[in-house]
Amino acid sequence: GLVEWVQATELHELAATHFMPPRGTPLGHVRAFVRFHHVASSMKRTYLKLWAEDLGVAALLAVGQPAMLLAEGSAGAIRAYVERATKCPHWGPTPARLVSSSPTGSNDGTLLPLGLVEVSDRFPVTVKAAGTYNGRECTDFVGLAAALSRAGHTAVARELQELTCTAYAHNEGRVEEALDG
Protein backbone atom coordinates (compact mmCIF):
# COMPACT_ATOMS: atom_id res chain seq x y z
CA GLY A 1 0.00 0.00 0.00
CA LEU A 2 0.89 3.63 0.43
CA VAL A 3 3.20 3.07 3.42
CA GLU A 4 5.32 0.54 1.50
CA TRP A 5 5.51 2.88 -1.52
CA VAL A 6 6.66 5.81 0.63
CA GLN A 7 9.25 3.63 2.38
CA ALA A 8 10.58 2.37 -0.97
CA THR A 9 10.65 5.82 -2.60
CA GLU A 10 13.62 8.13 -2.15
CA LEU A 11 12.77 11.62 -0.93
CA HIS A 12 13.95 13.26 -4.16
CA GLU A 13 11.56 11.08 -6.17
CA LEU A 14 8.71 11.92 -3.84
CA ALA A 15 9.47 15.64 -4.04
CA ALA A 16 9.70 15.47 -7.85
CA THR A 17 6.10 14.29 -8.10
CA HIS A 18 5.09 17.78 -6.96
CA PHE A 19 6.70 19.32 -10.08
CA MET A 20 4.79 17.95 -13.06
CA PRO A 21 4.07 19.55 -16.44
CA PRO A 22 0.53 20.92 -16.84
CA ARG A 23 -1.97 18.68 -18.58
CA GLY A 24 -3.58 19.77 -21.81
CA THR A 25 -2.32 21.83 -24.68
CA PRO A 26 1.46 22.21 -25.01
CA LEU A 27 2.66 25.79 -24.53
CA GLY A 28 5.36 25.73 -27.24
CA HIS A 29 9.02 24.84 -26.96
CA VAL A 30 11.60 26.68 -24.87
CA ARG A 31 15.24 26.62 -23.88
CA ALA A 32 16.50 27.30 -20.35
CA PHE A 33 19.93 27.80 -18.80
CA VAL A 34 20.47 27.16 -15.08
CA ARG A 35 23.65 27.97 -13.15
CA PHE A 36 24.86 25.98 -10.16
CA HIS A 37 27.95 26.43 -8.02
CA HIS A 38 28.91 22.88 -9.06
CA VAL A 39 27.27 19.47 -9.57
CA ALA A 40 29.77 16.96 -8.22
CA SER A 41 27.32 14.52 -6.64
CA SER A 42 26.71 11.43 -8.75
CA MET A 43 23.29 11.11 -7.10
CA LYS A 44 22.25 14.60 -8.22
CA ARG A 45 23.55 13.90 -11.74
CA THR A 46 21.58 10.66 -11.83
CA TYR A 47 18.39 12.44 -10.79
CA LEU A 48 18.91 15.12 -13.45
CA LYS A 49 19.28 12.36 -16.03
CA LEU A 50 16.23 10.42 -14.80
CA TRP A 51 14.07 13.55 -14.72
CA ALA A 52 15.13 14.51 -18.28
CA GLU A 53 14.06 11.07 -19.49
CA ASP A 54 10.87 11.13 -17.39
CA LEU A 55 9.79 14.52 -18.77
CA GLY A 56 11.03 13.99 -22.35
CA VAL A 57 13.45 16.93 -22.39
CA ALA A 58 16.87 17.39 -23.93
CA ALA A 59 19.58 18.50 -21.52
CA LEU A 60 23.28 19.26 -21.49
CA LEU A 61 25.10 19.36 -18.15
CA ALA A 62 28.47 20.92 -17.38
CA VAL A 63 29.20 19.60 -13.88
CA GLY A 64 32.27 21.65 -12.98
CA GLN A 65 32.52 24.99 -11.26
CA PRO A 66 30.47 26.91 -12.19
CA ALA A 67 28.03 24.29 -13.45
CA MET A 68 25.52 24.74 -16.25
CA LEU A 69 22.31 22.93 -17.07
CA LEU A 70 20.87 23.65 -20.50
CA ALA A 71 17.45 22.16 -21.26
CA GLU A 72 15.15 22.23 -24.30
CA GLY A 73 11.63 20.92 -24.69
CA SER A 74 7.98 21.76 -24.31
CA ALA A 75 7.38 24.73 -22.03
CA GLY A 76 5.50 22.68 -19.45
CA ALA A 77 8.14 19.94 -19.32
CA ILE A 78 10.99 22.47 -19.07
CA ARG A 79 9.24 24.31 -16.26
CA ALA A 80 8.80 21.04 -14.35
CA TYR A 81 12.40 19.97 -15.09
CA VAL A 82 13.93 23.27 -13.98
CA GLU A 83 11.80 23.27 -10.82
CA ARG A 84 12.89 19.71 -10.02
CA ALA A 85 16.53 20.51 -10.76
CA THR A 86 16.61 23.67 -8.66
CA LYS A 87 14.23 22.80 -5.81
CA CYS A 88 14.42 19.06 -5.10
CA PRO A 89 18.13 18.51 -4.37
CA HIS A 90 19.78 20.62 -1.69
CA TRP A 91 22.32 22.94 -3.33
CA GLY A 92 24.04 24.28 -0.24
CA PRO A 93 24.64 27.96 0.46
CA THR A 94 24.80 28.95 -3.24
CA PRO A 95 21.37 28.41 -4.77
CA ALA A 96 20.85 27.09 -8.27
CA ARG A 97 19.20 29.72 -10.43
CA LEU A 98 17.61 30.14 -13.82
CA VAL A 99 19.80 32.59 -15.73
CA SER A 100 18.10 32.61 -19.14
CA SER A 101 15.12 31.21 -20.99
CA SER A 102 13.79 31.75 -24.49
CA PRO A 103 11.41 30.17 -26.99
CA THR A 104 12.96 27.84 -29.53
CA GLY A 105 12.37 28.59 -33.21
CA SER A 106 12.58 27.08 -36.66
CA ASN A 107 15.90 28.86 -37.36
CA ASP A 108 17.62 27.52 -34.24
CA GLY A 109 19.66 24.87 -35.97
CA THR A 110 19.80 21.37 -34.57
CA LEU A 111 18.02 20.82 -31.28
CA LEU A 112 19.74 18.87 -28.52
CA PRO A 113 19.01 15.11 -28.42
CA LEU A 114 16.48 13.87 -25.85
CA GLY A 115 17.83 12.88 -22.46
CA LEU A 116 20.74 14.30 -20.50
CA VAL A 117 24.30 14.31 -21.82
CA GLU A 118 27.29 15.62 -19.88
CA VAL A 119 29.58 18.15 -21.55
CA SER A 120 32.60 16.05 -20.56
CA ASP A 121 31.22 13.17 -22.65
CA ARG A 122 29.99 15.11 -25.71
CA PHE A 123 32.49 18.02 -25.83
CA PRO A 124 35.43 16.80 -23.69
CA VAL A 125 37.95 19.26 -25.16
CA THR A 126 36.04 22.10 -23.44
CA VAL A 127 36.45 20.59 -19.95
CA LYS A 128 39.57 20.97 -17.84
CA ALA A 129 40.08 18.46 -15.04
CA ALA A 130 41.13 20.12 -11.77
CA GLY A 131 40.91 23.48 -13.51
CA THR A 132 39.50 25.43 -10.57
CA TYR A 133 41.23 26.97 -7.58
CA ASN A 134 39.86 24.11 -5.45
CA GLY A 135 40.57 21.22 -7.82
CA ARG A 136 37.16 20.76 -9.42
CA GLU A 137 36.77 20.45 -13.15
CA CYS A 138 35.68 23.52 -15.05
CA THR A 139 34.26 24.21 -18.48
CA ASP A 140 35.55 26.68 -21.02
CA PHE A 141 32.11 28.10 -21.84
CA VAL A 142 33.39 30.19 -24.78
CA GLY A 143 34.91 27.00 -26.20
CA LEU A 144 31.69 25.12 -25.49
CA ALA A 145 29.65 27.75 -27.35
CA ALA A 146 31.99 27.33 -30.35
CA ALA A 147 31.73 23.53 -30.17
CA LEU A 148 27.92 23.73 -29.99
CA SER A 149 27.93 25.98 -33.06
CA ARG A 150 30.15 23.55 -34.99
CA ALA A 151 27.74 20.74 -34.02
CA GLY A 152 24.83 22.68 -35.56
CA HIS A 153 23.26 23.94 -32.32
CA THR A 154 23.44 27.54 -33.52
CA ALA A 155 20.83 29.23 -31.32
CA VAL A 156 22.10 27.46 -28.19
CA ALA A 157 25.63 28.55 -29.09
CA ARG A 158 24.57 32.19 -29.53
CA GLU A 159 22.73 32.27 -26.21
CA LEU A 160 25.57 30.59 -24.33
CA GLN A 161 28.09 32.97 -25.91
CA GLU A 162 26.08 35.90 -24.49
CA LEU A 163 26.00 34.25 -21.05
CA THR A 164 29.79 33.75 -20.98
CA CYS A 165 30.15 37.41 -20.00
CA THR A 166 27.71 37.16 -17.10
CA ALA A 167 26.32 33.95 -15.59
CA TYR A 168 29.11 31.66 -16.80
CA ALA A 169 32.03 34.09 -16.55
CA HIS A 170 34.64 32.68 -14.18
CA ASN A 171 38.31 32.74 -13.30
CA GLU A 172 39.46 29.25 -12.28
CA GLY A 173 35.94 28.51 -11.06
CA ARG A 174 35.47 31.76 -9.15
CA VAL A 175 32.40 33.69 -10.25
CA GLU A 176 31.06 37.10 -9.35
CA GLU A 177 27.59 36.86 -7.92
CA ALA A 178 24.92 38.94 -9.58
CA LEU A 179 23.67 41.99 -7.70
CA ASP A 180 20.17 40.48 -7.69
CA GLY A 181 21.34 37.24 -6.06
C-alpha atoms as a PDB file:
ATOM      1  CA  GLY A   1       0.000   0.000   0.000  1.00  0.00           C
ATOM      2  CA  LEU A   2       0.886   3.627   0.433  1.00  0.00           C
ATOM      3  CA  VAL A   3       3.200   3.073   3.421  1.00  0.00           C
ATOM      4  CA  GLU A   4       5.319   0.539   1.500  1.00  0.00           C
ATOM      5  CA  TRP A   5       5.513   2.878  -1.522  1.00  0.00           C
ATOM      6  CA  VAL A   6       6.656   5.813   0.627  1.00  0.00           C
ATOM      7  CA  GLN A   7       9.246   3.632   2.382  1.00  0.00           C
ATOM      8  CA  ALA A   8      10.578   2.374  -0.974  1.00  0.00           C
ATOM      9  CA  THR A   9      10.654   5.817  -2.599  1.00  0.00           C
ATOM     10  CA  GLU A  10      13.617   8.125  -2.152  1.00  0.00           C
ATOM     11  CA  LEU A  11      12.773  11.622  -0.929  1.00  0.00           C
ATOM     12  CA  HIS A  12      13.949  13.256  -4.161  1.00  0.00           C
ATOM     13  CA  GLU A  13      11.560  11.081  -6.170  1.00  0.00           C
ATOM     14  CA  LEU A  14       8.708  11.920  -3.837  1.00  0.00           C
ATOM     15  CA  ALA A  15       9.466  15.645  -4.039  1.00  0.00           C
ATOM     16  CA  ALA A  16       9.698  15.472  -7.853  1.00  0.00           C
ATOM     17  CA  THR A  17       6.097  14.290  -8.101  1.00  0.00           C
ATOM     18  CA  HIS A  18       5.093  17.784  -6.962  1.00  0.00           C
ATOM     19  CA  PHE A  19       6.697  19.320 -10.076  1.00  0.00           C
ATOM     20  CA  MET A  20       4.795  17.949 -13.062  1.00  0.00           C
ATOM     21  CA  PRO A  21       4.073  19.552 -16.439  1.00  0.00           C
ATOM     22  CA  PRO A  22       0.534  20.918 -16.839  1.00  0.00           C
ATOM     23  CA  ARG A  23      -1.971  18.683 -18.584  1.00  0.00           C
ATOM     24  CA  GLY A  24      -3.577  19.768 -21.807  1.00  0.00           C
ATOM     25  CA  THR A  25      -2.320  21.833 -24.683  1.00  0.00           C
ATOM     26  CA  PRO A  26       1.465  22.209 -25.013  1.00  0.00           C
ATOM     27  CA  LEU A  27       2.656  25.795 -24.530  1.00  0.00           C
ATOM     28  CA  GLY A  28       5.359  25.735 -27.242  1.00  0.00           C
ATOM     29  CA  HIS A  29       9.025  24.844 -26.959  1.00  0.00           C
ATOM     30  CA  VAL A  30      11.600  26.680 -24.874  1.00  0.00           C
ATOM     31  CA  ARG A  31      15.244  26.620 -23.880  1.00  0.00           C
ATOM     32  CA  ALA A  32      16.496  27.302 -20.350  1.00  0.00           C
ATOM     33  CA  PHE A  33      19.934  27.801 -18.796  1.00  0.00           C
ATOM     34  CA  VAL A  34      20.468  27.157 -15.076  1.00  0.00           C
ATOM     35  CA  ARG A  35      23.648  27.968 -13.152  1.00  0.00           C
ATOM     36  CA  PHE A  36      24.856  25.976 -10.160  1.00  0.00           C
ATOM     37  CA  HIS A  37      27.952  26.430  -8.019  1.00  0.00           C
ATOM     38  CA  HIS A  38      28.913  22.876  -9.065  1.00  0.00           C
ATOM     39  CA  VAL A  39      27.271  19.474  -9.571  1.00  0.00           C
ATOM     40  CA  ALA A  40      29.769  16.962  -8.224  1.00  0.00           C
ATOM     41  CA  SER A  41      27.316  14.525  -6.636  1.00  0.00           C
ATOM     42  CA  SER A  42      26.705  11.433  -8.750  1.00  0.00           C
ATOM     43  CA  MET A  43      23.289  11.108  -7.097  1.00  0.00           C
ATOM     44  CA  LYS A  44      22.253  14.604  -8.225  1.00  0.00           C
ATOM     45  CA  ARG A  45      23.547  13.902 -11.737  1.00  0.00           C
ATOM     46  CA  THR A  46      21.576  10.658 -11.831  1.00  0.00           C
ATOM     47  CA  TYR A  47      18.394  12.441 -10.792  1.00  0.00           C
ATOM     48  CA  LEU A  48      18.906  15.125 -13.446  1.00  0.00           C
ATOM     49  CA  LYS A  49      19.275  12.359 -16.030  1.00  0.00           C
ATOM     50  CA  LEU A  50      16.226  10.423 -14.802  1.00  0.00           C
ATOM     51  CA  TRP A  51      14.075  13.553 -14.719  1.00  0.00           C
ATOM     52  CA  ALA A  52      15.128  14.510 -18.279  1.00  0.00           C
ATOM     53  CA  GLU A  53      14.055  11.068 -19.486  1.00  0.00           C
ATOM     54  CA  ASP A  54      10.869  11.133 -17.394  1.00  0.00           C
ATOM     55  CA  LEU A  55       9.795  14.516 -18.769  1.00  0.00           C
ATOM     56  CA  GLY A  56      11.029  13.994 -22.354  1.00  0.00           C
ATOM     57  CA  VAL A  57      13.446  16.933 -22.393  1.00  0.00           C
ATOM     58  CA  ALA A  58      16.874  17.390 -23.933  1.00  0.00           C
ATOM     59  CA  ALA A  59      19.582  18.496 -21.523  1.00  0.00           C
ATOM     60  CA  LEU A  60      23.283  19.260 -21.490  1.00  0.00           C
ATOM     61  CA  LEU A  61      25.098  19.356 -18.145  1.00  0.00           C
ATOM     62  CA  ALA A  62      28.474  20.919 -17.379  1.00  0.00           C
ATOM     63  CA  VAL A  63      29.205  19.597 -13.879  1.00  0.00           C
ATOM     64  CA  GLY A  64      32.275  21.652 -12.981  1.00  0.00           C
ATOM     65  CA  GLN A  65      32.518  24.988 -11.263  1.00  0.00           C
ATOM     66  CA  PRO A  66      30.468  26.912 -12.192  1.00  0.00           C
ATOM     67  CA  ALA A  67      28.030  24.292 -13.454  1.00  0.00           C
ATOM     68  CA  MET A  68      25.517  24.736 -16.246  1.00  0.00           C
ATOM     69  CA  LEU A  69      22.307  22.926 -17.075  1.00  0.00           C
ATOM     70  CA  LEU A  70      20.866  23.653 -20.500  1.00  0.00           C
ATOM     71  CA  ALA A  71      17.455  22.157 -21.257  1.00  0.00           C
ATOM     72  CA  GLU A  72      15.152  22.232 -24.301  1.00  0.00           C
ATOM     73  CA  GLY A  73      11.631  20.922 -24.686  1.00  0.00           C
ATOM     74  CA  SER A  74       7.981  21.760 -24.305  1.00  0.00           C
ATOM     75  CA  ALA A  75       7.379  24.726 -22.031  1.00  0.00           C
ATOM     76  CA  GLY A  76       5.502  22.676 -19.450  1.00  0.00           C
ATOM     77  CA  ALA A  77       8.136  19.941 -19.325  1.00  0.00           C
ATOM     78  CA  ILE A  78      10.987  22.473 -19.070  1.00  0.00           C
ATOM     79  CA  ARG A  79       9.239  24.307 -16.263  1.00  0.00           C
ATOM     80  CA  ALA A  80       8.802  21.036 -14.351  1.00  0.00           C
ATOM     81  CA  TYR A  81      12.401  19.974 -15.093  1.00  0.00           C
ATOM     82  CA  VAL A  82      13.926  23.271 -13.976  1.00  0.00           C
ATOM     83  CA  GLU A  83      11.796  23.265 -10.820  1.00  0.00           C
ATOM     84  CA  ARG A  84      12.885  19.706 -10.020  1.00  0.00           C
ATOM     85  CA  ALA A  85      16.532  20.509 -10.762  1.00  0.00           C
ATOM     86  CA  THR A  86      16.607  23.666  -8.661  1.00  0.00           C
ATOM     87  CA  LYS A  87      14.229  22.801  -5.814  1.00  0.00           C
ATOM     88  CA  CYS A  88      14.419  19.061  -5.103  1.00  0.00           C
ATOM     89  CA  PRO A  89      18.129  18.511  -4.366  1.00  0.00           C
ATOM     90  CA  HIS A  90      19.778  20.624  -1.692  1.00  0.00           C
ATOM     91  CA  TRP A  91      22.324  22.942  -3.327  1.00  0.00           C
ATOM     92  CA  GLY A  92      24.043  24.284  -0.240  1.00  0.00           C
ATOM     93  CA  PRO A  93      24.639  27.962   0.459  1.00  0.00           C
ATOM     94  CA  THR A  94      24.805  28.948  -3.236  1.00  0.00           C
ATOM     95  CA  PRO A  95      21.372  28.406  -4.775  1.00  0.00           C
ATOM     96  CA  ALA A  96      20.849  27.087  -8.270  1.00  0.00           C
ATOM     97  CA  ARG A  97      19.203  29.722 -10.430  1.00  0.00           C
ATOM     98  CA  LEU A  98      17.610  30.136 -13.817  1.00  0.00           C
ATOM     99  CA  VAL A  99      19.799  32.594 -15.731  1.00  0.00           C
ATOM    100  CA  SER A 100      18.100  32.610 -19.137  1.00  0.00           C
ATOM    101  CA  SER A 101      15.118  31.206 -20.989  1.00  0.00           C
ATOM    102  CA  SER A 102      13.786  31.746 -24.490  1.00  0.00           C
ATOM    103  CA  PRO A 103      11.413  30.174 -26.988  1.00  0.00           C
ATOM    104  CA  THR A 104      12.961  27.836 -29.534  1.00  0.00           C
ATOM    105  CA  GLY A 105      12.367  28.588 -33.214  1.00  0.00           C
ATOM    106  CA  SER A 106      12.576  27.078 -36.663  1.00  0.00           C
ATOM    107  CA  ASN A 107      15.899  28.862 -37.358  1.00  0.00           C
ATOM    108  CA  ASP A 108      17.622  27.523 -34.237  1.00  0.00           C
ATOM    109  CA  GLY A 109      19.664  24.873 -35.971  1.00  0.00           C
ATOM    110  CA  THR A 110      19.805  21.372 -34.570  1.00  0.00           C
ATOM    111  CA  LEU A 111      18.016  20.816 -31.277  1.00  0.00           C
ATOM    112  CA  LEU A 112      19.738  18.866 -28.522  1.00  0.00           C
ATOM    113  CA  PRO A 113      19.013  15.109 -28.424  1.00  0.00           C
ATOM    114  CA  LEU A 114      16.483  13.870 -25.854  1.00  0.00           C
ATOM    115  CA  GLY A 115      17.825  12.883 -22.462  1.00  0.00           C
ATOM    116  CA  LEU A 116      20.738  14.299 -20.505  1.00  0.00           C
ATOM    117  CA  VAL A 117      24.302  14.315 -21.822  1.00  0.00           C
ATOM    118  CA  GLU A 118      27.291  15.622 -19.884  1.00  0.00           C
ATOM    119  CA  VAL A 119      29.579  18.152 -21.551  1.00  0.00           C
ATOM    120  CA  SER A 120      32.604  16.054 -20.559  1.00  0.00           C
ATOM    121  CA  ASP A 121      31.218  13.168 -22.653  1.00  0.00           C
ATOM    122  CA  ARG A 122      29.989  15.114 -25.715  1.00  0.00           C
ATOM    123  CA  PHE A 123      32.495  18.015 -25.829  1.00  0.00           C
ATOM    124  CA  PRO A 124      35.434  16.796 -23.693  1.00  0.00           C
ATOM    125  CA  VAL A 125      37.947  19.262 -25.157  1.00  0.00           C
ATOM    126  CA  THR A 126      36.040  22.098 -23.443  1.00  0.00           C
ATOM    127  CA  VAL A 127      36.446  20.595 -19.947  1.00  0.00           C
ATOM    128  CA  LYS A 128      39.572  20.972 -17.844  1.00  0.00           C
ATOM    129  CA  ALA A 129      40.083  18.457 -15.036  1.00  0.00           C
ATOM    130  CA  ALA A 130      41.128  20.118 -11.767  1.00  0.00           C
ATOM    131  CA  GLY A 131      40.906  23.483 -13.510  1.00  0.00           C
ATOM    132  CA  THR A 132      39.503  25.425 -10.568  1.00  0.00           C
ATOM    133  CA  TYR A 133      41.229  26.974  -7.575  1.00  0.00           C
ATOM    134  CA  ASN A 134      39.864  24.108  -5.447  1.00  0.00           C
ATOM    135  CA  GLY A 135      40.571  21.222  -7.816  1.00  0.00           C
ATOM    136  CA  ARG A 136      37.159  20.761  -9.419  1.00  0.00           C
ATOM    137  CA  GLU A 137      36.772  20.447 -13.155  1.00  0.00           C
ATOM    138  CA  CYS A 138      35.681  23.522 -15.052  1.00  0.00           C
ATOM    139  CA  THR A 139      34.265  24.211 -18.479  1.00  0.00           C
ATOM    140  CA  ASP A 140      35.549  26.682 -21.024  1.00  0.00           C
ATOM    141  CA  PHE A 141      32.111  28.098 -21.844  1.00  0.00           C
ATOM    142  CA  VAL A 142      33.393  30.186 -24.782  1.00  0.00           C
ATOM    143  CA  GLY A 143      34.905  26.997 -26.204  1.00  0.00           C
ATOM    144  CA  LEU A 144      31.688  25.117 -25.486  1.00  0.00           C
ATOM    145  CA  ALA A 145      29.654  27.749 -27.354  1.00  0.00           C
ATOM    146  CA  ALA A 146      31.987  27.334 -30.350  1.00  0.00           C
ATOM    147  CA  ALA A 147      31.729  23.528 -30.172  1.00  0.00           C
ATOM    148  CA  LEU A 148      27.922  23.729 -29.990  1.00  0.00           C
ATOM    149  CA  SER A 149      27.928  25.983 -33.057  1.00  0.00           C
ATOM    150  CA  ARG A 150      30.146  23.546 -34.995  1.00  0.00           C
ATOM    151  CA  ALA A 151      27.737  20.740 -34.018  1.00  0.00           C
ATOM    152  CA  GLY A 152      24.826  22.684 -35.559  1.00  0.00           C
ATOM    153  CA  HIS A 153      23.261  23.937 -32.318  1.00  0.00           C
ATOM    154  CA  THR A 154      23.435  27.541 -33.524  1.00  0.00           C
ATOM    155  CA  ALA A 155      20.828  29.232 -31.318  1.00  0.00           C
ATOM    156  CA  VAL A 156      22.100  27.455 -28.193  1.00  0.00           C
ATOM    157  CA  ALA A 157      25.632  28.548 -29.095  1.00  0.00           C
ATOM    158  CA  ARG A 158      24.575  32.192 -29.526  1.00  0.00           C
ATOM    159  CA  GLU A 159      22.729  32.271 -26.215  1.00  0.00           C
ATOM    160  CA  LEU A 160      25.566  30.593 -24.333  1.00  0.00           C
ATOM    161  CA  GLN A 161      28.092  32.970 -25.908  1.00  0.00           C
ATOM    162  CA  GLU A 162      26.076  35.904 -24.493  1.00  0.00           C
ATOM    163  CA  LEU A 163      26.005  34.251 -21.048  1.00  0.00           C
ATOM    164  CA  THR A 164      29.787  33.745 -20.976  1.00  0.00           C
ATOM    165  CA  CYS A 165      30.151  37.405 -19.998  1.00  0.00           C
ATOM    166  CA  THR A 166      27.706  37.156 -17.097  1.00  0.00           C
ATOM    167  CA  ALA A 167      26.319  33.945 -15.585  1.00  0.00           C
ATOM    168  CA  TYR A 168      29.108  31.657 -16.802  1.00  0.00           C
ATOM    169  CA  ALA A 169      32.031  34.090 -16.545  1.00  0.00           C
ATOM    170  CA  HIS A 170      34.640  32.684 -14.180  1.00  0.00           C
ATOM    171  CA  ASN A 171      38.308  32.742 -13.303  1.00  0.00           C
ATOM    172  CA  GLU A 172      39.462  29.246 -12.276  1.00  0.00           C
ATOM    173  CA  GLY A 173      35.940  28.510 -11.063  1.00  0.00           C
ATOM    174  CA  ARG A 174      35.469  31.756  -9.145  1.00  0.00           C
ATOM    175  CA  VAL A 175      32.404  33.688 -10.248  1.00  0.00           C
ATOM    176  CA  GLU A 176      31.059  37.102  -9.354  1.00  0.00           C
ATOM    177  CA  GLU A 177      27.592  36.861  -7.919  1.00  0.00           C
ATOM    178  CA  ALA A 178      24.916  38.940  -9.580  1.00  0.00           C
ATOM    179  CA  LEU A 179      23.670  41.992  -7.697  1.00  0.00           C
ATOM    180  CA  ASP A 180      20.169  40.484  -7.690  1.00  0.00           C
ATOM    181  CA  GLY A 181      21.344  37.244  -6.059  1.00  0.00           C
END
